[in-house]
């Protein structure tokens, strides 16, 4: 019986574990903005959510988007923003060496921190920023209690 000697490479045994940890970290950040090029034809715009005394305000960076290509809905305490950014520009006289543009379909679901009045929601689009104002319901508004100082 012949035995073959091979070089032991301890790091090879950890490659599978490292790949599994990488997948775990990637799945942990699902729904977060990804870098360009992660998935061809898909991009995730940045979202800001803020709260005032009377409103929840959601701002979404959508440069170059046509507002007609956006769909906004409220569902189960979240706002859902869907859209598609299309790249339709063709320039035959230019020789590109490097082009950076984000395009493709996207969907962002953002949980809302408070209950809102569904019938009073308003949205506007200016300079590439979608702004959605969601008035808080009366129950969700913060009640102020005055403290007497003696």
N, C-alpha and C. Protein backbone atom coordinates (compact mmCIF):
# COMPACT_ATOMS: atom_id res chain seq x y z
N UNK A 1 0.85 -1.16 0.00
CA UNK A 1 0.00 0.00 0.00
C UNK A 1 0.90 1.24 0.00
N UNK A 2 0.63 2.17 -0.90
CA UNK A 2 1.44 3.38 -1.04
C UNK A 2 0.74 4.56 -0.35
N UNK A 3 1.51 5.31 0.38
CA UNK A 3 1.00 6.50 1.05
C UNK A 3 1.58 7.73 0.36
N UNK A 4 0.70 8.72 0.20
CA UNK A 4 1.16 9.95 -0.43
C UNK A 4 1.26 11.04 0.62
N UNK A 5 2.37 11.73 0.63
CA UNK A 5 2.55 12.83 1.57
C UNK A 5 2.10 14.12 0.90
N UNK A 6 1.32 14.91 1.63
CA UNK A 6 0.89 16.22 1.13
C UNK A 6 1.21 17.27 2.19
N UNK A 7 1.38 18.45 1.71
CA UNK A 7 1.68 19.55 2.62
C UNK A 7 0.39 19.96 3.33
N UNK A 8 0.47 20.08 4.61
CA UNK A 8 -0.69 20.51 5.39
C UNK A 8 -0.79 22.03 5.33
N UNK A 9 -1.96 22.52 4.92
CA UNK A 9 -2.20 23.96 4.84
C UNK A 9 -3.35 24.27 5.78
N UNK A 10 -3.03 24.72 6.98
CA UNK A 10 -4.07 24.92 7.99
C UNK A 10 -5.10 25.98 7.58
N UNK A 11 -4.70 26.97 6.82
CA UNK A 11 -5.64 28.03 6.45
C UNK A 11 -6.72 27.52 5.49
N UNK A 12 -6.44 26.47 4.74
CA UNK A 12 -7.44 25.92 3.82
C UNK A 12 -8.66 25.43 4.58
N UNK A 13 -8.45 24.90 5.77
CA UNK A 13 -9.55 24.39 6.58
C UNK A 13 -10.46 25.52 7.07
N UNK A 14 -9.93 26.73 7.15
CA UNK A 14 -10.71 27.86 7.63
C UNK A 14 -11.40 28.64 6.51
N UNK A 15 -11.12 28.32 5.25
CA UNK A 15 -11.74 29.04 4.14
C UNK A 15 -13.26 28.90 4.15
N UNK A 16 -13.75 27.70 4.38
CA UNK A 16 -15.19 27.49 4.43
C UNK A 16 -15.83 28.28 5.55
N UNK A 17 -15.17 28.30 6.72
CA UNK A 17 -15.70 29.06 7.85
C UNK A 17 -15.70 30.56 7.53
N UNK A 18 -14.64 31.03 6.88
CA UNK A 18 -14.57 32.45 6.53
C UNK A 18 -15.66 32.81 5.53
N UNK A 19 -15.89 31.98 4.53
CA UNK A 19 -16.95 32.25 3.55
C UNK A 19 -18.31 32.31 4.24
N UNK A 20 -18.54 31.42 5.18
CA UNK A 20 -19.81 31.41 5.91
C UNK A 20 -19.96 32.68 6.75
N UNK A 21 -18.89 33.13 7.38
CA UNK A 21 -18.94 34.38 8.17
C UNK A 21 -19.19 35.58 7.25
N UNK A 22 -18.58 35.59 6.07
CA UNK A 22 -18.82 36.67 5.11
C UNK A 22 -20.29 36.72 4.72
N UNK A 23 -20.89 35.56 4.45
CA UNK A 23 -22.31 35.51 4.11
C UNK A 23 -23.18 35.99 5.27
N UNK A 24 -22.79 35.63 6.49
CA UNK A 24 -23.53 36.07 7.66
C UNK A 24 -23.51 37.59 7.79
N UNK A 25 -22.34 38.20 7.64
CA UNK A 25 -22.24 39.66 7.73
C UNK A 25 -23.01 40.34 6.61
N UNK A 26 -22.96 39.79 5.41
CA UNK A 26 -23.70 40.38 4.29
C UNK A 26 -25.20 40.33 4.56
N UNK A 27 -25.69 39.22 5.09
CA UNK A 27 -27.12 39.11 5.36
C UNK A 27 -27.54 40.01 6.52
N UNK A 28 -26.61 40.30 7.44
CA UNK A 28 -26.91 41.19 8.55
C UNK A 28 -27.23 42.59 8.08
N UNK A 29 -26.61 43.01 6.98
CA UNK A 29 -26.79 44.37 6.48
C UNK A 29 -27.77 44.45 5.32
N UNK A 30 -28.65 43.47 5.17
CA UNK A 30 -29.65 43.52 4.11
C UNK A 30 -30.54 44.74 4.34
N UNK A 31 -30.85 45.46 3.26
CA UNK A 31 -31.68 46.65 3.35
C UNK A 31 -30.87 47.91 3.53
N UNK A 32 -29.58 47.77 3.79
CA UNK A 32 -28.72 48.94 3.89
C UNK A 32 -28.21 49.28 2.49
N UNK A 33 -27.86 50.52 2.26
CA UNK A 33 -27.33 50.89 0.95
C UNK A 33 -26.10 50.08 0.61
N UNK A 34 -26.04 49.64 -0.59
CA UNK A 34 -24.89 48.88 -1.06
C UNK A 34 -24.06 49.75 -1.97
N UNK A 35 -22.81 49.35 -2.15
CA UNK A 35 -21.95 50.08 -3.07
C UNK A 35 -22.37 49.79 -4.49
N UNK A 36 -22.03 50.71 -5.39
CA UNK A 36 -22.32 50.50 -6.80
C UNK A 36 -21.64 49.24 -7.28
N UNK A 37 -22.34 48.54 -8.17
CA UNK A 37 -21.74 47.37 -8.77
C UNK A 37 -21.95 46.09 -8.00
N UNK A 38 -22.59 46.15 -6.82
CA UNK A 38 -22.82 44.92 -6.07
C UNK A 38 -23.73 43.98 -6.85
N UNK A 39 -24.78 44.54 -7.42
CA UNK A 39 -25.69 43.75 -8.23
C UNK A 39 -26.02 44.57 -9.46
N UNK A 40 -25.74 44.05 -10.61
CA UNK A 40 -26.00 44.78 -11.83
C UNK A 40 -27.48 45.02 -12.00
N UNK A 41 -27.86 46.27 -12.36
CA UNK A 41 -29.25 46.59 -12.58
C UNK A 41 -30.05 46.82 -11.32
N UNK A 42 -29.37 46.92 -10.18
CA UNK A 42 -30.08 47.15 -8.92
C UNK A 42 -29.28 48.14 -8.09
N UNK A 43 -29.98 49.08 -7.49
CA UNK A 43 -29.32 50.04 -6.61
C UNK A 43 -30.27 50.42 -5.50
N UNK A 44 -29.72 50.91 -4.42
CA UNK A 44 -30.53 51.28 -3.27
C UNK A 44 -30.21 52.72 -2.89
N UNK A 45 -31.19 53.62 -3.08
CA UNK A 45 -30.95 55.02 -2.72
C UNK A 45 -30.87 55.19 -1.21
N UNK A 46 -30.15 56.23 -0.79
CA UNK A 46 -30.02 56.54 0.63
C UNK A 46 -31.32 57.15 1.16
N UNK A 47 -31.65 56.81 2.40
CA UNK A 47 -32.89 57.27 3.03
C UNK A 47 -32.57 57.91 4.37
N UNK A 48 -33.21 59.06 4.65
CA UNK A 48 -33.12 59.71 5.96
C UNK A 48 -34.53 59.74 6.55
N UNK A 49 -34.66 59.40 7.82
CA UNK A 49 -35.95 59.49 8.51
C UNK A 49 -35.74 60.39 9.72
N UNK A 50 -36.57 61.43 9.82
CA UNK A 50 -36.48 62.34 10.96
C UNK A 50 -37.88 62.54 11.52
N UNK A 51 -37.90 63.12 12.71
CA UNK A 51 -39.18 63.30 13.40
C UNK A 51 -39.24 64.70 13.98
N UNK A 52 -40.35 65.38 13.74
CA UNK A 52 -40.60 66.67 14.36
C UNK A 52 -41.72 66.47 15.37
N UNK A 53 -42.18 67.56 15.96
CA UNK A 53 -43.25 67.44 16.96
C UNK A 53 -44.52 66.85 16.35
N UNK A 54 -44.82 67.22 15.10
CA UNK A 54 -46.08 66.79 14.48
C UNK A 54 -45.94 65.80 13.33
N UNK A 55 -44.74 65.62 12.79
CA UNK A 55 -44.58 64.82 11.57
C UNK A 55 -43.42 63.84 11.66
N UNK A 56 -43.50 62.82 10.82
CA UNK A 56 -42.37 61.97 10.50
C UNK A 56 -42.01 62.34 9.07
N UNK A 57 -40.72 62.64 8.82
CA UNK A 57 -40.28 63.08 7.49
C UNK A 57 -39.29 62.06 6.95
N UNK A 58 -39.58 61.59 5.72
CA UNK A 58 -38.70 60.65 5.04
C UNK A 58 -38.14 61.34 3.82
N UNK A 59 -36.80 61.37 3.70
CA UNK A 59 -36.14 61.95 2.54
C UNK A 59 -35.34 60.86 1.85
N UNK A 60 -35.46 60.80 0.52
CA UNK A 60 -34.78 59.77 -0.26
C UNK A 60 -33.99 60.44 -1.37
N UNK A 61 -32.72 60.09 -1.50
CA UNK A 61 -31.87 60.63 -2.56
C UNK A 61 -32.16 59.88 -3.85
N UNK A 62 -32.72 60.60 -4.83
CA UNK A 62 -33.08 60.00 -6.11
C UNK A 62 -32.65 60.91 -7.27
N UNK A 63 -31.37 61.21 -7.39
CA UNK A 63 -30.94 62.12 -8.45
C UNK A 63 -31.21 61.54 -9.83
N UNK A 64 -31.71 62.40 -10.71
CA UNK A 64 -31.97 61.98 -12.09
C UNK A 64 -33.23 61.17 -12.28
N UNK A 65 -34.00 60.97 -11.24
CA UNK A 65 -35.23 60.18 -11.35
C UNK A 65 -36.38 61.04 -11.85
N UNK A 66 -37.28 60.43 -12.58
CA UNK A 66 -38.52 61.06 -12.97
C UNK A 66 -39.55 60.70 -11.90
N UNK A 67 -40.20 61.69 -11.28
CA UNK A 67 -41.18 61.37 -10.22
C UNK A 67 -42.30 60.43 -10.70
N UNK A 68 -42.55 60.38 -12.00
CA UNK A 68 -43.58 59.48 -12.52
C UNK A 68 -43.17 58.02 -12.41
N UNK A 69 -41.87 57.77 -12.23
CA UNK A 69 -41.37 56.40 -12.11
C UNK A 69 -41.31 55.92 -10.66
N UNK A 70 -41.93 56.66 -9.73
CA UNK A 70 -41.92 56.31 -8.32
C UNK A 70 -43.28 55.84 -7.85
N UNK A 71 -43.30 54.91 -6.91
CA UNK A 71 -44.52 54.41 -6.31
C UNK A 71 -44.31 54.41 -4.80
N UNK A 72 -45.18 55.12 -4.08
CA UNK A 72 -45.07 55.24 -2.62
C UNK A 72 -46.33 54.66 -1.99
N UNK A 73 -46.15 53.79 -0.98
CA UNK A 73 -47.31 53.24 -0.29
C UNK A 73 -46.98 53.04 1.19
N UNK A 74 -48.02 52.95 2.00
CA UNK A 74 -47.88 52.68 3.43
C UNK A 74 -48.43 51.29 3.71
N UNK A 75 -47.69 50.50 4.49
CA UNK A 75 -48.12 49.15 4.77
C UNK A 75 -47.54 48.68 6.10
N UNK A 76 -48.39 48.24 7.01
CA UNK A 76 -47.98 47.64 8.28
C UNK A 76 -46.95 48.48 9.04
N UNK A 77 -47.22 49.78 9.21
CA UNK A 77 -46.32 50.64 9.96
C UNK A 77 -45.03 50.98 9.25
N UNK A 78 -44.98 50.79 7.93
CA UNK A 78 -43.79 51.09 7.14
C UNK A 78 -44.18 51.87 5.90
N UNK A 79 -43.22 52.61 5.37
CA UNK A 79 -43.40 53.26 4.08
C UNK A 79 -42.60 52.46 3.06
N UNK A 80 -43.22 52.19 1.91
CA UNK A 80 -42.57 51.43 0.86
C UNK A 80 -42.41 52.35 -0.35
N UNK A 81 -41.17 52.51 -0.79
CA UNK A 81 -40.87 53.36 -1.94
C UNK A 81 -40.24 52.48 -3.01
N UNK A 82 -40.89 52.43 -4.18
CA UNK A 82 -40.41 51.63 -5.31
C UNK A 82 -40.17 52.55 -6.49
N UNK A 83 -39.28 52.14 -7.35
CA UNK A 83 -39.05 52.92 -8.54
C UNK A 83 -38.07 52.25 -9.46
N UNK A 84 -37.85 52.92 -10.59
CA UNK A 84 -36.87 52.44 -11.55
C UNK A 84 -36.20 53.64 -12.18
N UNK A 85 -34.90 53.64 -12.10
CA UNK A 85 -34.10 54.69 -12.73
C UNK A 85 -33.58 54.11 -14.03
N UNK A 86 -33.90 54.79 -15.12
CA UNK A 86 -33.56 54.27 -16.44
C UNK A 86 -32.40 55.07 -17.03
N UNK A 87 -31.53 54.35 -17.70
CA UNK A 87 -30.42 54.99 -18.40
C UNK A 87 -30.71 54.86 -19.89
N UNK A 88 -31.21 55.94 -20.49
CA UNK A 88 -31.64 55.89 -21.87
C UNK A 88 -30.81 56.79 -22.77
N UNK A 89 -29.79 57.40 -22.25
CA UNK A 89 -29.00 58.37 -22.98
C UNK A 89 -27.95 57.66 -23.83
N UNK A 90 -27.91 57.98 -25.11
CA UNK A 90 -26.90 57.40 -25.99
C UNK A 90 -26.14 58.54 -26.65
N UNK A 91 -24.82 58.54 -26.51
CA UNK A 91 -23.97 59.55 -27.11
C UNK A 91 -22.99 58.84 -28.02
N UNK A 92 -23.19 58.95 -29.32
CA UNK A 92 -22.36 58.22 -30.27
C UNK A 92 -21.00 58.86 -30.51
N UNK A 93 -20.87 60.16 -30.22
CA UNK A 93 -19.61 60.84 -30.51
C UNK A 93 -18.62 60.77 -29.35
N UNK A 94 -19.05 60.28 -28.20
CA UNK A 94 -18.17 60.21 -27.04
C UNK A 94 -17.53 58.83 -26.95
N UNK A 95 -16.25 58.80 -26.60
CA UNK A 95 -15.56 57.55 -26.31
C UNK A 95 -15.34 57.48 -24.81
N UNK A 96 -16.15 56.70 -24.14
CA UNK A 96 -16.05 56.60 -22.70
C UNK A 96 -14.98 55.61 -22.30
N UNK A 97 -14.23 55.99 -21.30
CA UNK A 97 -13.25 55.08 -20.71
C UNK A 97 -13.73 54.58 -19.35
N UNK A 98 -14.58 55.39 -18.74
CA UNK A 98 -15.09 55.01 -17.42
C UNK A 98 -16.40 55.76 -17.20
N UNK A 99 -17.45 55.04 -16.83
CA UNK A 99 -18.76 55.65 -16.61
C UNK A 99 -19.29 55.16 -15.27
N UNK A 100 -19.70 56.09 -14.39
CA UNK A 100 -20.31 55.73 -13.11
C UNK A 100 -21.71 56.29 -13.06
N UNK A 101 -22.68 55.42 -13.17
CA UNK A 101 -24.08 55.81 -13.05
C UNK A 101 -24.81 54.70 -12.34
N UNK A 102 -25.76 55.08 -11.53
CA UNK A 102 -26.61 54.11 -10.86
C UNK A 102 -27.93 54.04 -11.59
N UNK A 103 -28.38 52.85 -11.90
CA UNK A 103 -29.67 52.70 -12.54
C UNK A 103 -30.21 51.32 -12.24
N UNK A 104 -31.50 51.17 -12.47
CA UNK A 104 -32.15 49.88 -12.23
C UNK A 104 -33.34 50.06 -11.30
N UNK A 105 -33.95 48.96 -10.95
CA UNK A 105 -35.11 48.97 -10.05
C UNK A 105 -34.64 48.98 -8.61
N UNK A 106 -35.47 49.56 -7.76
CA UNK A 106 -35.16 49.53 -6.34
C UNK A 106 -36.47 49.47 -5.56
N UNK A 107 -36.35 49.01 -4.33
CA UNK A 107 -37.46 49.04 -3.37
C UNK A 107 -36.84 49.26 -2.00
N UNK A 108 -37.36 50.24 -1.28
CA UNK A 108 -36.92 50.51 0.08
C UNK A 108 -38.14 50.44 0.98
N UNK A 109 -38.07 49.66 2.02
CA UNK A 109 -39.12 49.57 3.03
C UNK A 109 -38.53 50.10 4.32
N UNK A 110 -39.15 51.17 4.83
CA UNK A 110 -38.62 51.83 6.02
C UNK A 110 -39.67 51.79 7.12
N UNK A 111 -39.37 51.16 8.25
CA UNK A 111 -40.32 51.15 9.36
C UNK A 111 -40.47 52.56 9.92
N UNK A 112 -41.70 52.95 10.22
CA UNK A 112 -41.97 54.27 10.77
C UNK A 112 -41.96 54.21 12.29
N UNK A 113 -41.37 55.22 12.94
CA UNK A 113 -41.26 55.19 14.40
C UNK A 113 -42.57 55.46 15.13
N UNK A 114 -43.54 56.04 14.44
CA UNK A 114 -44.82 56.40 15.07
C UNK A 114 -45.97 56.08 14.12
N UNK A 115 -47.19 56.03 14.69
CA UNK A 115 -48.40 55.90 13.87
C UNK A 115 -48.63 57.21 13.13
N UNK A 116 -49.07 57.12 11.87
CA UNK A 116 -49.30 58.33 11.08
C UNK A 116 -50.72 58.36 10.53
N UNK A 117 -51.14 59.55 10.12
CA UNK A 117 -52.45 59.74 9.50
C UNK A 117 -52.30 59.42 8.01
N UNK A 118 -52.80 58.29 7.59
CA UNK A 118 -52.63 57.82 6.21
C UNK A 118 -53.24 58.77 5.19
N UNK A 119 -54.32 59.43 5.53
CA UNK A 119 -55.01 60.29 4.58
C UNK A 119 -54.40 61.69 4.47
N UNK A 120 -53.41 62.01 5.27
CA UNK A 120 -52.80 63.35 5.27
C UNK A 120 -51.35 63.35 4.77
N UNK A 121 -50.89 62.27 4.21
CA UNK A 121 -49.51 62.16 3.75
C UNK A 121 -49.32 63.02 2.50
N UNK A 122 -48.16 63.71 2.43
CA UNK A 122 -47.85 64.50 1.25
C UNK A 122 -46.42 64.18 0.80
N UNK A 123 -46.17 64.33 -0.50
CA UNK A 123 -44.85 64.04 -1.05
C UNK A 123 -44.48 65.13 -2.05
N UNK A 124 -43.18 65.46 -2.10
CA UNK A 124 -42.68 66.43 -3.07
C UNK A 124 -41.32 65.95 -3.57
N UNK A 125 -40.94 66.44 -4.74
CA UNK A 125 -39.66 66.05 -5.35
C UNK A 125 -38.98 67.31 -5.87
N UNK A 126 -37.77 67.58 -5.34
CA UNK A 126 -37.04 68.76 -5.76
C UNK A 126 -35.55 68.49 -5.69
N UNK A 127 -34.83 68.87 -6.74
CA UNK A 127 -33.37 68.73 -6.80
C UNK A 127 -32.89 67.32 -6.47
N UNK A 128 -33.62 66.31 -6.95
CA UNK A 128 -33.20 64.93 -6.74
C UNK A 128 -33.53 64.35 -5.39
N UNK A 129 -34.29 65.07 -4.56
CA UNK A 129 -34.66 64.58 -3.24
C UNK A 129 -36.18 64.42 -3.16
N UNK A 130 -36.60 63.19 -2.85
CA UNK A 130 -38.01 62.93 -2.59
C UNK A 130 -38.24 63.17 -1.10
N UNK A 131 -39.22 64.00 -0.77
CA UNK A 131 -39.53 64.29 0.62
C UNK A 131 -40.98 63.88 0.88
N UNK A 132 -41.17 62.97 1.82
CA UNK A 132 -42.50 62.50 2.19
C UNK A 132 -42.76 62.94 3.62
N UNK A 133 -43.83 63.71 3.82
CA UNK A 133 -44.21 64.18 5.15
C UNK A 133 -45.42 63.39 5.61
N UNK A 134 -45.27 62.72 6.74
CA UNK A 134 -46.32 61.86 7.29
C UNK A 134 -46.76 62.44 8.64
N UNK A 135 -47.89 63.10 8.69
CA UNK A 135 -48.36 63.66 9.97
C UNK A 135 -48.63 62.54 10.99
N UNK A 136 -48.19 62.77 12.21
CA UNK A 136 -48.40 61.79 13.28
C UNK A 136 -49.87 61.77 13.67
N UNK A 137 -50.33 60.60 14.09
CA UNK A 137 -51.67 60.51 14.65
C UNK A 137 -51.67 61.19 16.02
N UNK A 138 -52.82 61.56 16.50
CA UNK A 138 -52.92 62.27 17.78
C UNK A 138 -52.34 61.43 18.93
N UNK A 139 -52.54 60.12 18.87
CA UNK A 139 -52.03 59.24 19.93
C UNK A 139 -50.51 59.20 19.91
N UNK A 140 -49.90 59.38 18.74
CA UNK A 140 -48.45 59.27 18.62
C UNK A 140 -47.71 60.53 19.00
N UNK A 141 -48.41 61.66 19.02
CA UNK A 141 -47.76 62.93 19.37
C UNK A 141 -47.34 62.92 20.83
N UNK A 142 -46.19 63.49 21.07
CA UNK A 142 -45.66 63.55 22.43
C UNK A 142 -46.48 64.53 23.26
N UNK A 143 -46.89 64.09 24.42
CA UNK A 143 -47.64 64.95 25.33
C UNK A 143 -46.65 65.62 26.28
N UNK A 144 -46.79 66.91 26.42
CA UNK A 144 -45.92 67.63 27.35
C UNK A 144 -46.61 67.77 28.69
N UNK A 145 -45.87 67.55 29.73
CA UNK A 145 -46.39 67.69 31.09
C UNK A 145 -45.56 68.76 31.78
N UNK A 146 -46.22 69.78 32.23
CA UNK A 146 -45.54 70.88 32.91
C UNK A 146 -45.23 70.47 34.35
N UNK A 147 -44.08 70.83 34.81
CA UNK A 147 -43.68 70.53 36.19
C UNK A 147 -43.65 71.83 36.95
N UNK A 148 -44.36 71.88 38.05
CA UNK A 148 -44.35 73.06 38.90
C UNK A 148 -43.11 73.06 39.77
N UNK A 149 -42.47 74.17 39.83
CA UNK A 149 -41.30 74.31 40.69
C UNK A 149 -41.70 75.10 41.92
N UNK A 150 -41.46 74.57 43.08
CA UNK A 150 -41.87 75.25 44.33
C UNK A 150 -40.68 75.81 45.05
